[in-house]
Amino acid sequence: MEEAVSDYREFFAGYTAVTAEIEELIRSYVHDRAVNGIFLESFRVRFGALLWMVGERFG
């Protein structure tokens, strides 16, 4: 759970100062969603690539 709190703290630090109140909100969020002291997150991610040839003429 501490690792999750730390990760969230670092994330939000990029947008605002992480005050004691925000830290408590983060801790509360993680604590409320932890099961047996373990906080899990899952993500769905899609990756794509756009490729082109430089210097080639088409058509």
N, C-alpha and C. Protein backbone atom coordinates (compact mmCIF):
# COMPACT_ATOMS: atom_id res chain seq x y z
N MET A 1 0.82 -1.18 0.00
CA MET A 1 0.00 0.00 0.00
C MET A 1 0.87 1.25 0.00
N GLU A 2 1.99 1.20 0.68
CA GLU A 2 2.87 2.38 0.73
C GLU A 2 3.42 2.71 -0.66
N GLU A 3 3.70 1.69 -1.45
CA GLU A 3 4.19 1.93 -2.80
C GLU A 3 3.11 2.63 -3.64
N ALA A 4 1.87 2.22 -3.49
CA ALA A 4 0.77 2.86 -4.21
C ALA A 4 0.62 4.31 -3.78
N VAL A 5 0.69 4.57 -2.50
CA VAL A 5 0.59 5.94 -1.99
C VAL A 5 1.72 6.78 -2.57
N SER A 6 2.92 6.25 -2.57
CA SER A 6 4.06 6.97 -3.10
C SER A 6 3.89 7.26 -4.60
N ASP A 7 3.42 6.28 -5.35
CA ASP A 7 3.20 6.47 -6.79
C ASP A 7 2.16 7.55 -7.06
N TYR A 8 1.07 7.53 -6.31
CA TYR A 8 0.03 8.56 -6.47
C TYR A 8 0.56 9.93 -6.07
N ARG A 9 1.33 9.98 -4.99
CA ARG A 9 1.91 11.24 -4.54
C ARG A 9 2.78 11.85 -5.63
N GLU A 10 3.63 11.04 -6.25
CA GLU A 10 4.50 11.51 -7.32
C GLU A 10 3.67 11.96 -8.52
N PHE A 11 2.62 11.23 -8.85
CA PHE A 11 1.77 11.59 -9.98
C PHE A 11 1.14 12.96 -9.76
N PHE A 12 0.51 13.15 -8.60
CA PHE A 12 -0.17 14.41 -8.33
C PHE A 12 0.79 15.58 -8.12
N ALA A 13 2.02 15.29 -7.72
CA ALA A 13 3.01 16.34 -7.53
C ALA A 13 3.32 17.05 -8.85
N GLY A 14 3.07 16.39 -9.96
CA GLY A 14 3.27 17.01 -11.26
C GLY A 14 2.22 18.05 -11.58
N TYR A 15 1.12 18.06 -10.82
CA TYR A 15 0.01 18.97 -11.09
C TYR A 15 -0.25 19.98 -9.98
N THR A 16 0.10 19.61 -8.74
CA THR A 16 -0.18 20.49 -7.61
C THR A 16 0.76 20.14 -6.46
N ALA A 17 0.84 21.03 -5.50
CA ALA A 17 1.62 20.74 -4.30
C ALA A 17 0.84 19.71 -3.48
N VAL A 18 1.52 18.66 -3.08
CA VAL A 18 0.87 17.61 -2.30
C VAL A 18 0.91 18.01 -0.83
N THR A 19 -0.20 18.57 -0.39
CA THR A 19 -0.32 19.02 1.00
C THR A 19 -0.65 17.81 1.88
N ALA A 20 -0.66 18.04 3.18
CA ALA A 20 -1.04 16.98 4.13
C ALA A 20 -2.46 16.50 3.85
N GLU A 21 -3.34 17.43 3.47
CA GLU A 21 -4.73 17.05 3.17
C GLU A 21 -4.80 16.15 1.94
N ILE A 22 -4.06 16.48 0.91
CA ILE A 22 -4.05 15.65 -0.30
C ILE A 22 -3.42 14.29 0.00
N GLU A 23 -2.37 14.31 0.78
CA GLU A 23 -1.72 13.04 1.18
C GLU A 23 -2.73 12.15 1.90
N GLU A 24 -3.52 12.72 2.78
CA GLU A 24 -4.53 11.95 3.52
C GLU A 24 -5.61 11.41 2.58
N LEU A 25 -6.00 12.20 1.59
CA LEU A 25 -6.97 11.74 0.60
C LEU A 25 -6.42 10.54 -0.18
N ILE A 26 -5.15 10.63 -0.56
CA ILE A 26 -4.51 9.52 -1.28
C ILE A 26 -4.48 8.28 -0.41
N ARG A 27 -4.04 8.43 0.84
CA ARG A 27 -3.98 7.29 1.76
C ARG A 27 -5.35 6.66 1.97
N SER A 28 -6.36 7.50 2.11
CA SER A 28 -7.72 7.02 2.31
C SER A 28 -8.19 6.25 1.08
N TYR A 29 -7.92 6.79 -0.11
CA TYR A 29 -8.31 6.14 -1.36
C TYR A 29 -7.68 4.75 -1.47
N VAL A 30 -6.38 4.67 -1.22
CA VAL A 30 -5.67 3.40 -1.31
C VAL A 30 -6.17 2.44 -0.25
N HIS A 31 -6.30 2.91 0.98
CA HIS A 31 -6.76 2.05 2.09
C HIS A 31 -8.15 1.49 1.82
N ASP A 32 -9.06 2.32 1.32
CA ASP A 32 -10.44 1.87 1.08
C ASP A 32 -10.53 0.82 -0.02
N ARG A 33 -9.56 0.79 -0.91
CA ARG A 33 -9.61 -0.15 -2.04
C ARG A 33 -8.66 -1.33 -1.89
N ALA A 34 -7.90 -1.35 -0.82
CA ALA A 34 -6.97 -2.46 -0.58
C ALA A 34 -7.73 -3.67 -0.03
N VAL A 35 -7.27 -4.83 -0.41
CA VAL A 35 -7.83 -6.08 0.09
C VAL A 35 -6.72 -6.82 0.81
N ASN A 36 -6.92 -7.07 2.09
CA ASN A 36 -5.91 -7.73 2.92
C ASN A 36 -4.56 -7.00 2.85
N GLY A 37 -4.60 -5.68 2.82
CA GLY A 37 -3.38 -4.89 2.81
C GLY A 37 -2.70 -4.80 1.46
N ILE A 38 -3.36 -5.27 0.40
CA ILE A 38 -2.76 -5.24 -0.94
C ILE A 38 -3.63 -4.39 -1.85
N PHE A 39 -3.02 -3.41 -2.50
CA PHE A 39 -3.71 -2.53 -3.43
C PHE A 39 -3.35 -2.94 -4.84
N LEU A 40 -4.35 -3.29 -5.63
CA LEU A 40 -4.12 -3.73 -7.01
C LEU A 40 -4.78 -2.76 -7.98
N GLU A 41 -4.13 -2.54 -9.10
CA GLU A 41 -4.70 -1.76 -10.18
C GLU A 41 -4.53 -2.54 -11.47
N SER A 42 -5.48 -2.38 -12.37
CA SER A 42 -5.32 -2.98 -13.68
C SER A 42 -5.52 -1.89 -14.73
N PHE A 43 -4.84 -2.04 -15.83
CA PHE A 43 -4.87 -1.05 -16.89
C PHE A 43 -5.12 -1.74 -18.23
N ARG A 44 -5.88 -1.09 -19.08
CA ARG A 44 -6.02 -1.53 -20.46
C ARG A 44 -5.28 -0.50 -21.30
N VAL A 45 -4.34 -0.98 -22.07
CA VAL A 45 -3.50 -0.09 -22.85
C VAL A 45 -3.47 -0.59 -24.29
N ARG A 46 -3.52 0.36 -25.22
CA ARG A 46 -3.36 0.02 -26.63
C ARG A 46 -2.19 0.83 -27.17
N PHE A 47 -1.35 0.15 -27.88
CA PHE A 47 -0.21 0.80 -28.50
C PHE A 47 -0.38 0.76 -30.00
N GLY A 48 0.13 1.76 -30.65
CA GLY A 48 0.09 1.79 -32.11
C GLY A 48 1.35 2.44 -32.63
N ALA A 49 1.58 2.26 -33.89
CA ALA A 49 2.76 2.85 -34.52
C ALA A 49 2.38 3.35 -35.89
N LEU A 50 2.92 4.46 -36.26
CA LEU A 50 2.73 5.04 -37.58
C LEU A 50 4.11 5.12 -38.21
N LEU A 51 4.28 4.45 -39.32
CA LEU A 51 5.58 4.39 -39.97
C LEU A 51 5.49 4.98 -41.37
N TRP A 52 6.55 5.63 -41.81
CA TRP A 52 6.60 6.14 -43.16
C TRP A 52 8.03 6.13 -43.64
N MET A 53 8.19 6.14 -44.95
CA MET A 53 9.51 6.14 -45.53
C MET A 53 9.88 7.57 -45.90
N VAL A 54 11.02 8.01 -45.47
CA VAL A 54 11.48 9.36 -45.74
C VAL A 54 12.22 9.33 -47.08
N GLY A 55 11.90 10.30 -47.93
CA GLY A 55 12.60 10.40 -49.19
C GLY A 55 11.99 9.59 -50.33
N GLU A 56 10.98 8.81 -50.06
CA GLU A 56 10.32 8.02 -51.09
C GLU A 56 9.11 8.77 -51.63
N ARG A 57 8.88 8.64 -52.92
CA ARG A 57 7.70 9.24 -53.53
C ARG A 57 6.71 8.15 -53.89
N PHE A 58 5.47 8.43 -53.60
CA PHE A 58 4.42 7.47 -53.89
C PHE A 58 3.55 8.02 -54.99
N GLY A 59 3.04 7.15 -55.83
CA GLY A 59 2.06 7.53 -56.82
C GLY A 59 2.67 7.71 -58.12
